[in-house]
C-alpha cells in the first residue's frame, strides 16, 4: 500500500492538494491519502466533505509545532506502512493578516517557529521514513523571492551563498529571538538568546538587512533549507526527490 500525507489540510491549499492527490493517484485502491490538521474536529469535518463527494480520505491529527504530535504520526506511519511514505507535502503554516495588531516581534517568533523550524523538523524527522523513489514537497511562496529582493545586497548574498543547515538556523535565529528548545534544530543556541533580543523584537531587522516580512523570512529560510537537504539526498540510494 502506498501512502501520501498532506499537513495543514483541513482547508485552503492543503485541502486542494489532498483533492488532487485523491483524484490523481492511480490505481486509487493502492493509495491511502492522509489529511492532517491540528484540530481533530475540523480535520474530520474536512474528511467528511470528501467522503460526501465519493472521495476516500484518511485523517490523522498533527500539530507540526508539537514534537509529541510529530512523533505520534511518525510511529503510526512506521507501524502501518513499513515500506515507507511515498509522498509528504509540508503545507502547514501560519500567516498573520496585514491588519494584525500583534507586535512584529511576536509575529516573527510564531511565524518562524511554525513555517521554518517546525517544517524543517518535519523534514529531518520524516526523511528516514520515506520510501524508495518518494517525493517530499515543502510548500513555498513568492514572498520568499520578494523578501530576498527586499533585503540588503549583503544579506541576500548570505542566503544565496553556501550555507549549512546550522548556519541557516543561526541566520534565521538572528532575525528573531525564539524559545531555545523550540528553535534550535541541530545545536544549542542558548548563547544567541541569553543576553540579546532578536532583531525583529528590537525593531532593527531592516537596518541590518533583513526583510520586513516575518512570513517572507520564514519562507526564505525554508527555501534555503530545502535546497541544502536536496543536496544531501543526492547520494541517498532511495532516490528521494525534495523540492520547494
Foldseek 3Di string as FASTA:
>chain_A
DAEAEFEPQLDDPNVVVLVCCQVPDPPNVVYAYEYEYQDPVSRVVSQVVCVVVVGHHHYAYADLLDPVRLVVVLVVCCVPPVQAHAYYEYDDFDFDDPPDPDQQLVVLQRRLLRLAQSSVVSCVVRVVRHHFNGEYEYDADCLLVVFLVLFDPVVNCVLVDDDALQRLLVVSCLQFPYDQVSRDDDDGPCVVHVPDGHCSVVVCNRVVTGGSGSNNSSRSSRQSSQVNVQVVCPPPNSPYHYHD
